[in-house]
Amino acid sequence: MNIVILDAKTLGDVDLSALEALGNVTIYDTTKAQETLQRVKDADIVVTNKVVIDANIMKNSNIKMVAITATGMNNVDLEMAKELGIVVRNVAGYSTKSVVQHTFAMLFYLLEQLRYYDEFVKSGAWSDSGLFTNVSRSFYEVSGKKWGIIGLGEIGRGVAKIANSFGAEVLYYSTSGKNSNSEYERVELNELLKSCDIISIHAPLNDNTLNLLNKDNLELLKSGSILLNLGRGGIINENDLAKIIDSKDIFVGLDVTSSEPLPKSSPLMQIKNNHRLLITPHIAWTSIEARQELMEGVVENIREFING
């Protein structure tokens, strides 16, 4: 089997050697759209994270399987794959613990004003202050606060459990309208936005969630509240978000943006009150353990395909 990996750089330093036991492996760190067809035309198995495998590529190659190094499958034309008999496999659940952890890392960075206090010390201001402490930026405890979760799937439930352990009251909004969980109170979106001190998004991007948060409802956020998006970038309208960050006392943490990497022209890069905004480059899923589990899942998917 000829196995081609199209964007190995997105996996970092994960050991790919297990694939070599399954076939002849060709590795590309990155692949541009115009390079894809040439690189995969003689491949039996294509391994991709975000490189698009569309109908044209499938029709003009000998691909028999697409192994996705992710849970999301929106970069592959699934209908055409089915029509041509091409097997497509993803890996689900590998990053749950990593994303849950990153949710709280972002929360506490914003909640406790850690950027400000770190810079206060390193600038020498603390040394010059004559005081053993600095209480110029207040923060509150999670205990006793309301935490709203948009998308109560596996990751959302993981966040809810830990939020509960910190003493927060958890509410949730079902983006599909079908999720019912007896452990937590289900509310409508506007009620969640108005009442919660902390809001985290863990939903997929689809017709129900595209621009779910926009100028019409972002205004409902409480002063001092924290909004975290670890779902997909398109769930929040970024033009509207940029405006609300500069006009209202809220704090925002984003691990995902509508375009990745984030363009320098993005309104999120022009915010005046940028101390209220934390952006990480889609890394919530990338703990060492999560990436190792991901590759184990990819190898197993390919092995099962080869063995029939």
Protein backbone atom coordinates (compact mmCIF):
# COMPACT_ATOMS: atom_id res chain seq x y z
CA MET A 1 0.00 0.00 0.00
CA ASN A 2 1.19 3.50 -0.86
CA ILE A 3 0.40 5.79 2.06
CA VAL A 4 0.70 9.58 1.64
CA ILE A 5 0.57 11.97 4.60
CA LEU A 6 -0.35 15.45 3.37
CA ASP A 7 0.05 17.72 6.40
CA ALA A 8 2.27 16.01 8.94
CA LYS A 9 3.35 19.35 10.41
CA THR A 10 -0.10 19.76 11.97
CA LEU A 11 0.65 16.71 14.12
CA GLY A 12 3.86 18.11 15.57
CA ASP A 13 6.45 15.67 16.89
CA VAL A 14 4.19 12.61 17.03
CA ASP A 15 5.93 9.39 16.04
CA LEU A 16 4.68 8.30 12.59
CA SER A 17 6.87 5.20 12.32
CA ALA A 18 3.98 2.79 13.03
CA LEU A 19 2.63 3.62 9.57
CA GLU A 20 5.79 2.28 7.94
CA ALA A 21 4.80 -1.24 8.93
CA LEU A 22 1.60 -0.83 6.92
CA GLY A 23 3.02 0.29 3.57
CA ASN A 24 5.29 2.66 1.66
CA VAL A 25 4.96 6.00 3.40
CA THR A 26 5.51 9.42 1.82
CA ILE A 27 5.37 12.36 4.19
CA TYR A 28 4.69 16.00 3.31
CA ASP A 29 4.83 18.60 6.10
CA THR A 30 2.25 20.79 4.35
CA THR A 31 0.30 20.61 1.10
CA LYS A 32 -1.24 23.46 -0.84
CA ALA A 33 -4.53 22.96 -2.68
CA GLN A 34 -2.85 23.04 -6.07
CA GLU A 35 -0.36 20.37 -4.98
CA THR A 36 -2.83 17.84 -3.63
CA LEU A 37 -3.81 15.94 -6.78
CA GLN A 38 -0.24 15.41 -7.92
CA ARG A 39 0.75 14.09 -4.51
CA VAL A 40 -2.15 11.66 -4.06
CA LYS A 41 -2.86 10.40 -7.58
CA ASP A 42 -0.89 7.16 -7.05
CA ALA A 43 -1.71 6.76 -3.37
CA ASP A 44 -3.82 3.93 -2.02
CA ILE A 45 -4.31 5.63 1.35
CA VAL A 46 -4.27 9.36 2.01
CA VAL A 47 -3.75 10.70 5.53
CA THR A 48 -5.01 14.26 5.99
CA ASN A 49 -5.85 16.60 8.80
CA LYS A 50 -7.16 19.70 7.04
CA VAL A 51 -6.08 19.28 3.40
CA VAL A 52 -9.24 19.07 1.28
CA ILE A 53 -9.96 15.88 -0.63
CA ASP A 54 -12.73 16.87 -3.04
CA ALA A 55 -14.62 15.14 -5.83
CA ASN A 56 -12.13 16.15 -8.51
CA ILE A 57 -9.21 14.66 -6.59
CA MET A 58 -11.09 11.44 -5.96
CA LYS A 59 -12.13 11.03 -9.59
CA ASN A 60 -8.61 11.59 -10.88
CA SER A 61 -6.66 9.38 -8.50
CA ASN A 62 -6.50 5.80 -7.28
CA ILE A 63 -7.36 6.61 -3.66
CA LYS A 64 -8.96 3.70 -1.83
CA MET A 65 -9.04 5.17 1.67
CA VAL A 66 -8.86 8.58 3.34
CA ALA A 67 -7.68 8.50 6.95
CA ILE A 68 -8.51 11.77 8.71
CA THR A 69 -6.27 12.79 11.60
CA ALA A 70 -9.17 14.54 13.30
CA THR A 71 -12.78 14.07 14.33
CA GLY A 72 -14.27 16.53 11.85
CA MET A 73 -14.75 15.23 8.30
CA ASN A 74 -15.80 18.41 6.50
CA ASN A 75 -12.59 18.50 4.42
CA VAL A 76 -13.60 15.34 2.54
CA ASP A 77 -16.41 15.04 0.00
CA LEU A 78 -18.20 12.19 1.74
CA GLU A 79 -20.92 11.79 -0.89
CA MET A 80 -18.40 11.35 -3.69
CA ALA A 81 -16.34 8.99 -1.54
CA LYS A 82 -19.41 6.83 -1.01
CA GLU A 83 -20.23 6.90 -4.72
CA LEU A 84 -16.71 5.81 -5.65
CA GLY A 85 -16.39 3.26 -2.88
CA ILE A 86 -13.63 5.15 -1.09
CA VAL A 87 -13.44 4.39 2.63
CA VAL A 88 -13.24 7.43 4.91
CA ARG A 89 -12.34 7.08 8.58
CA ASN A 90 -11.87 9.64 11.34
CA VAL A 91 -10.87 9.35 15.00
CA ALA A 92 -13.40 10.40 17.61
CA GLY A 93 -12.93 11.22 21.28
CA TYR A 94 -9.13 11.40 21.34
CA SER A 95 -8.95 15.07 22.36
CA THR A 96 -11.71 15.33 24.97
CA LYS A 97 -9.44 15.59 28.01
CA SER A 98 -7.10 17.99 26.22
CA VAL A 99 -9.90 20.36 25.15
CA VAL A 100 -11.50 20.29 28.59
CA GLN A 101 -8.13 21.15 30.15
CA HIS A 102 -7.52 23.99 27.71
CA THR A 103 -10.96 25.39 28.47
CA PHE A 104 -9.94 25.87 32.09
CA ALA A 105 -6.46 27.12 31.17
CA MET A 106 -8.06 29.91 29.12
CA LEU A 107 -10.64 30.60 31.80
CA PHE A 108 -8.14 31.12 34.61
CA TYR A 109 -5.78 33.19 32.47
CA LEU A 110 -8.63 35.63 31.84
CA LEU A 111 -10.43 35.29 35.15
CA GLU A 112 -7.41 36.01 37.32
CA GLN A 113 -5.91 38.70 35.04
CA LEU A 114 -2.72 36.66 34.76
CA ARG A 115 -1.33 38.61 31.79
CA TYR A 116 -1.56 41.86 33.74
CA TYR A 117 -0.01 40.49 36.93
CA ASP A 118 2.79 38.67 35.10
CA GLU A 119 3.72 41.87 33.25
CA PHE A 120 3.42 43.86 36.52
CA VAL A 121 6.12 41.72 38.09
CA LYS A 122 8.43 41.40 35.07
CA SER A 123 8.32 45.13 34.32
CA GLY A 124 9.83 45.83 37.75
CA ALA A 125 6.69 47.59 38.95
CA TRP A 126 6.22 45.15 41.83
CA SER A 127 9.84 45.61 42.90
CA ASP A 128 9.29 49.37 43.01
CA SER A 129 5.91 49.22 44.75
CA GLY A 130 7.01 48.59 48.31
CA LEU A 131 3.99 46.30 48.83
CA PHE A 132 3.93 42.53 49.23
CA THR A 133 0.88 42.26 46.98
CA ASN A 134 -1.11 44.04 44.28
CA VAL A 135 -4.90 44.15 44.20
CA SER A 136 -5.33 46.68 41.40
CA ARG A 137 -7.13 44.17 39.16
CA SER A 138 -9.96 42.32 40.87
CA PHE A 139 -11.10 38.81 40.03
CA TYR A 140 -13.81 36.53 41.34
CA GLU A 141 -14.10 32.85 42.22
CA VAL A 142 -15.80 30.27 40.03
CA SER A 143 -17.66 28.99 43.07
CA GLY A 144 -21.21 30.29 43.23
CA LYS A 145 -21.20 31.55 39.63
CA LYS A 146 -23.33 30.39 36.73
CA TRP A 147 -21.51 28.58 33.93
CA GLY A 148 -23.37 28.27 30.65
CA ILE A 149 -22.38 25.59 28.16
CA ILE A 150 -23.34 25.79 24.49
CA GLY A 151 -23.16 22.25 23.17
CA LEU A 152 -23.40 19.60 25.87
CA GLY A 153 -21.64 16.78 24.04
CA GLU A 154 -18.78 14.74 25.45
CA ILE A 155 -16.49 17.75 25.84
CA GLY A 156 -19.27 19.95 27.19
CA ARG A 157 -20.15 17.35 29.79
CA GLY A 158 -16.49 17.09 30.78
CA VAL A 159 -16.36 20.84 31.33
CA ALA A 160 -19.65 20.78 33.23
CA LYS A 161 -18.39 18.12 35.62
CA ILE A 162 -15.27 20.10 36.53
CA ALA A 163 -17.18 23.39 36.69
CA ASN A 164 -19.49 21.71 39.20
CA SER A 165 -16.50 20.60 41.24
CA PHE A 166 -15.42 24.24 41.49
CA GLY A 167 -18.86 25.08 42.85
CA ALA A 168 -20.41 26.57 39.72
CA GLU A 169 -24.04 26.13 38.75
CA VAL A 170 -24.14 24.71 35.22
CA LEU A 171 -26.76 25.61 32.62
CA TYR A 172 -26.73 24.52 28.99
CA TYR A 173 -28.18 25.32 25.60
CA SER A 174 -28.78 22.54 23.11
CA THR A 175 -27.82 23.74 19.62
CA SER A 176 -29.78 20.91 18.02
CA GLY A 177 -32.76 21.33 20.32
CA LYS A 178 -32.68 17.59 20.93
CA ASN A 179 -30.17 17.19 23.76
CA SER A 180 -31.76 16.56 27.12
CA ASN A 181 -29.63 16.04 30.21
CA SER A 182 -31.24 15.63 33.63
CA GLU A 183 -28.07 16.62 35.51
CA TYR A 184 -28.12 20.24 34.34
CA GLU A 185 -30.76 22.84 33.61
CA ARG A 186 -31.50 23.40 29.94
CA VAL A 187 -32.30 26.99 28.95
CA GLU A 188 -32.78 28.99 25.79
CA LEU A 189 -29.77 30.80 24.34
CA ASN A 190 -30.79 34.33 25.31
CA GLU A 191 -31.44 33.26 28.89
CA LEU A 192 -28.02 31.60 29.06
CA LEU A 193 -26.24 34.68 27.69
CA LYS A 194 -28.05 37.04 30.09
CA SER A 195 -27.66 35.02 33.25
CA CYS A 196 -24.25 33.31 33.09
CA ASP A 197 -20.93 34.63 34.38
CA ILE A 198 -18.92 32.16 32.31
CA ILE A 199 -19.97 30.77 28.93
CA SER A 200 -18.09 28.14 26.97
CA ILE A 201 -18.86 26.86 23.48
CA HIS A 202 -18.25 23.20 22.61
CA ALA A 203 -20.53 22.77 19.60
CA PRO A 204 -19.87 21.79 15.98
CA LEU A 205 -20.30 24.24 13.13
CA ASN A 206 -23.45 23.56 11.15
CA ASP A 207 -26.57 25.32 9.91
CA ASN A 208 -27.82 25.62 13.49
CA THR A 209 -24.66 27.19 14.87
CA LEU A 210 -23.27 29.41 12.08
CA ASN A 211 -23.21 32.98 13.48
CA LEU A 212 -25.14 31.72 16.49
CA LEU A 213 -23.63 34.54 18.53
CA ASN A 214 -23.90 37.91 16.81
CA LYS A 215 -24.67 41.59 17.40
CA ASP A 216 -28.27 40.80 18.32
CA ASN A 217 -27.40 38.60 21.30
CA LEU A 218 -23.80 39.43 22.25
CA GLU A 219 -25.18 42.60 23.83
CA LEU A 220 -26.95 40.37 26.36
CA LEU A 221 -23.67 39.29 27.97
CA LYS A 222 -23.27 40.39 31.57
CA SER A 223 -20.64 42.98 32.40
CA GLY A 224 -17.50 41.18 33.54
CA SER A 225 -18.54 37.87 32.02
CA ILE A 226 -16.15 35.51 30.23
CA LEU A 227 -16.94 33.95 26.87
CA LEU A 228 -14.85 31.01 25.62
CA ASN A 229 -15.07 29.38 22.20
CA LEU A 230 -13.48 25.95 21.84
CA GLY A 231 -15.97 24.72 19.25
CA ARG A 232 -15.61 26.27 15.80
CA GLY A 233 -14.81 29.83 14.80
CA GLY A 234 -17.88 30.47 12.66
CA ILE A 235 -20.16 30.04 15.66
CA ILE A 236 -19.38 33.61 16.71
CA ASN A 237 -19.60 36.46 14.21
CA GLU A 238 -16.11 37.93 14.61
CA ASN A 239 -16.95 41.40 13.30
CA ASP A 240 -19.69 41.70 15.90
CA LEU A 241 -17.48 40.18 18.60
CA ALA A 242 -14.67 42.67 17.98
CA LYS A 243 -17.09 45.55 18.41
CA ILE A 244 -18.60 44.21 21.62
CA ILE A 245 -15.17 43.63 23.19
CA ASP A 246 -14.32 47.30 22.68
CA SER A 247 -17.71 48.55 23.85
CA LYS A 248 -18.51 46.34 26.81
CA ASP A 249 -16.61 45.03 29.82
CA ILE A 250 -16.40 41.37 28.82
CA PHE A 251 -13.50 38.94 28.43
CA VAL A 252 -13.16 36.50 25.55
CA GLY A 253 -11.02 33.44 24.94
CA LEU A 254 -10.85 31.89 21.48
CA ASP A 255 -9.04 28.74 20.45
CA VAL A 256 -10.78 28.73 17.06
CA THR A 257 -11.42 31.41 14.46
CA SER A 258 -13.47 31.48 11.28
CA SER A 259 -10.29 31.52 9.15
CA GLU A 260 -7.23 29.62 10.35
CA PRO A 261 -4.60 30.91 10.56
CA LEU A 262 -6.16 34.19 11.61
CA PRO A 263 -5.58 36.85 8.91
CA LYS A 264 -3.74 39.98 10.00
CA SER A 265 -6.69 41.92 8.57
CA SER A 266 -9.15 40.26 10.97
CA PRO A 267 -11.12 42.68 13.17
CA LEU A 268 -9.93 40.58 16.10
CA MET A 269 -6.41 41.88 15.41
CA GLN A 270 -7.57 45.50 15.57
CA ILE A 271 -9.15 45.49 19.03
CA LYS A 272 -8.19 48.42 21.26
CA ASN A 273 -8.90 46.60 24.52
CA ASN A 274 -6.85 43.56 23.58
CA HIS A 275 -6.19 42.71 27.23
CA ARG A 276 -9.79 41.46 27.21
CA LEU A 277 -9.08 38.97 24.43
CA LEU A 278 -7.03 35.77 24.53
CA ILE A 279 -6.51 33.85 21.28
CA THR A 280 -4.66 30.56 21.00
CA PRO A 281 -3.94 29.01 17.56
CA HIS A 282 -6.33 26.03 17.63
CA ILE A 283 -4.24 24.10 20.13
CA ALA A 284 -6.86 22.78 22.56
CA TRP A 285 -6.71 19.35 20.94
CA THR A 286 -2.91 19.11 20.87
CA SER A 287 -1.72 17.74 24.20
CA ILE A 288 0.99 15.13 23.70
CA GLU A 289 -1.33 12.44 25.01
CA ALA A 290 -4.17 13.47 22.67
CA ARG A 291 -1.93 13.44 19.58
CA GLN A 292 -0.51 10.06 20.52
CA GLU A 293 -4.02 8.66 20.93
CA LEU A 294 -5.00 10.23 17.62
CA MET A 295 -2.18 8.51 15.75
CA GLU A 296 -2.96 5.21 17.41
CA GLY A 297 -6.51 5.59 16.11
CA VAL A 298 -5.32 6.46 12.60
CA VAL A 299 -2.99 3.45 12.50
CA GLU A 300 -5.77 1.18 13.71
CA ASN A 301 -8.19 2.54 11.09
CA ILE A 302 -5.66 1.88 8.32
CA ARG A 303 -4.80 -1.57 9.65
CA GLU A 304 -8.49 -2.54 9.74
CA PHE A 305 -8.92 -1.31 6.16
CA ILE A 306 -5.92 -3.27 4.90
CA ASN A 307 -7.00 -6.43 6.69
CA GLY A 308 -10.50 -6.10 5.28
